[in-house]
Protein backbone atom coordinates (compact mmCIF):
# COMPACT_ATOMS: atom_id res chain seq x y z
CA MET A 1 -183.35 152.67 -81.71
CA ILE A 2 -182.82 153.74 -78.11
CA PRO A 3 -182.21 157.46 -77.63
CA LYS A 4 -178.75 158.24 -76.28
CA HIS A 5 -179.62 161.69 -74.93
CA ARG A 6 -181.76 160.41 -72.05
CA LYS A 7 -181.52 157.67 -69.51
CA PRO A 8 -183.51 154.61 -70.62
CA THR A 9 -186.65 153.93 -68.63
CA HIS A 10 -186.22 151.41 -65.84
CA PRO A 11 -187.78 148.04 -66.68
CA GLY A 12 -189.90 148.26 -63.52
CA GLU A 13 -191.58 151.41 -64.80
CA ILE A 14 -192.30 149.69 -68.12
CA LEU A 15 -193.70 146.74 -66.19
CA LEU A 16 -196.06 148.96 -64.23
CA LEU A 17 -197.18 151.37 -66.95
CA GLU A 18 -197.26 149.10 -69.99
CA PHE A 19 -198.35 145.81 -68.43
CA LEU A 20 -199.80 145.87 -64.93
CA GLU A 21 -201.97 148.98 -65.19
CA PRO A 22 -203.45 148.17 -68.63
CA MET A 23 -204.09 144.57 -67.56
CA GLY A 24 -205.59 145.60 -64.22
CA LEU A 25 -203.06 143.33 -62.54
CA SER A 26 -201.82 144.14 -59.04
CA GLN A 27 -198.28 143.67 -57.82
CA VAL A 28 -199.57 141.06 -55.40
CA GLU A 29 -201.27 139.08 -58.17
CA LEU A 30 -198.19 139.29 -60.40
CA ALA A 31 -195.99 138.05 -57.56
CA HIS A 32 -198.42 135.21 -56.92
CA ARG A 33 -198.38 134.19 -60.60
CA MET A 34 -194.59 134.40 -60.69
CA GLU A 35 -194.37 132.48 -57.40
CA VAL A 36 -192.07 135.10 -55.85
CA PRO A 37 -192.41 137.35 -52.80
CA VAL A 38 -194.36 140.56 -53.47
CA GLN A 39 -191.32 142.54 -52.28
CA ARG A 40 -189.41 141.30 -55.34
CA VAL A 41 -192.02 142.77 -57.67
CA ASN A 42 -192.39 145.94 -55.62
CA THR A 43 -188.67 146.71 -55.50
CA LEU A 44 -188.46 146.10 -59.25
CA ILE A 45 -191.33 148.49 -59.96
CA ASN A 46 -189.81 151.11 -57.64
CA GLY A 47 -186.47 150.92 -59.46
CA LYS A 48 -184.61 149.45 -56.48
CA ARG A 49 -184.03 146.10 -58.16
CA ASP A 50 -182.82 145.32 -61.66
CA ILE A 51 -184.05 142.60 -63.99
CA THR A 52 -182.15 139.34 -63.63
CA ALA A 53 -182.27 136.50 -66.14
CA GLU A 54 -184.50 134.55 -63.76
CA THR A 55 -186.90 137.46 -63.33
CA ALA A 56 -186.97 137.97 -67.11
CA ILE A 57 -188.00 134.35 -67.61
CA LEU A 58 -190.67 134.51 -64.92
CA LEU A 59 -192.10 137.75 -66.31
CA SER A 60 -192.11 136.37 -69.83
CA ARG A 61 -194.09 133.32 -68.72
CA VAL A 62 -196.74 135.35 -66.93
CA LEU A 63 -196.98 138.27 -69.37
CA LYS A 64 -196.53 136.29 -72.61
CA THR A 65 -193.45 138.23 -73.66
CA SER A 66 -189.93 137.02 -74.32
CA PRO A 67 -187.20 136.98 -71.68
CA GLU A 68 -185.08 138.91 -74.19
CA PHE A 69 -187.56 141.79 -74.08
CA TRP A 70 -186.90 142.29 -70.36
CA MET A 71 -183.16 141.68 -70.62
CA ASN A 72 -182.85 144.19 -73.49
CA LEU A 73 -184.56 146.84 -71.36
CA GLN A 74 -182.11 146.15 -68.53
CA ASP A 75 -179.11 146.00 -70.87
CA ALA A 76 -179.98 149.38 -72.38
CA ARG A 77 -180.12 150.93 -68.92
CA ASP A 78 -176.89 149.25 -67.78
CA LEU A 79 -175.01 150.35 -70.90
CA TYR A 80 -176.23 153.93 -70.50
CA GLU A 81 -175.09 154.02 -66.87
CA ALA A 82 -171.69 152.51 -67.77
CA ARG A 83 -171.19 155.10 -70.51
CA GLU A 84 -172.12 157.92 -68.14
CA HIS A 85 -169.77 156.58 -65.47
CA LEU A 86 -166.87 156.31 -67.92
CA ALA A 87 -167.56 159.77 -69.34
CA ARG A 88 -167.42 161.27 -65.83
CA ALA A 89 -164.19 159.41 -65.07
CA ALA A 90 -162.46 160.65 -68.24
């Protein structure tokens, strides 16, 4: 269950800390394997880009995960931000 008292971790941080660093995989190498520009990976890791369905599929192919894993991380973050926004507006 995802805690509701804190903002969910950005998928890019999960990507860096739970996948790239343990695998010894650089952002450049990941981008090469995904066949995308390195800026796409870098902005994702730095939290400036969110996971899209296409990115989720590409990551799942390279990292042997499911696309749903990545989309669920993004959905949790999006839902948290929407709840926070609505709570502030009320």
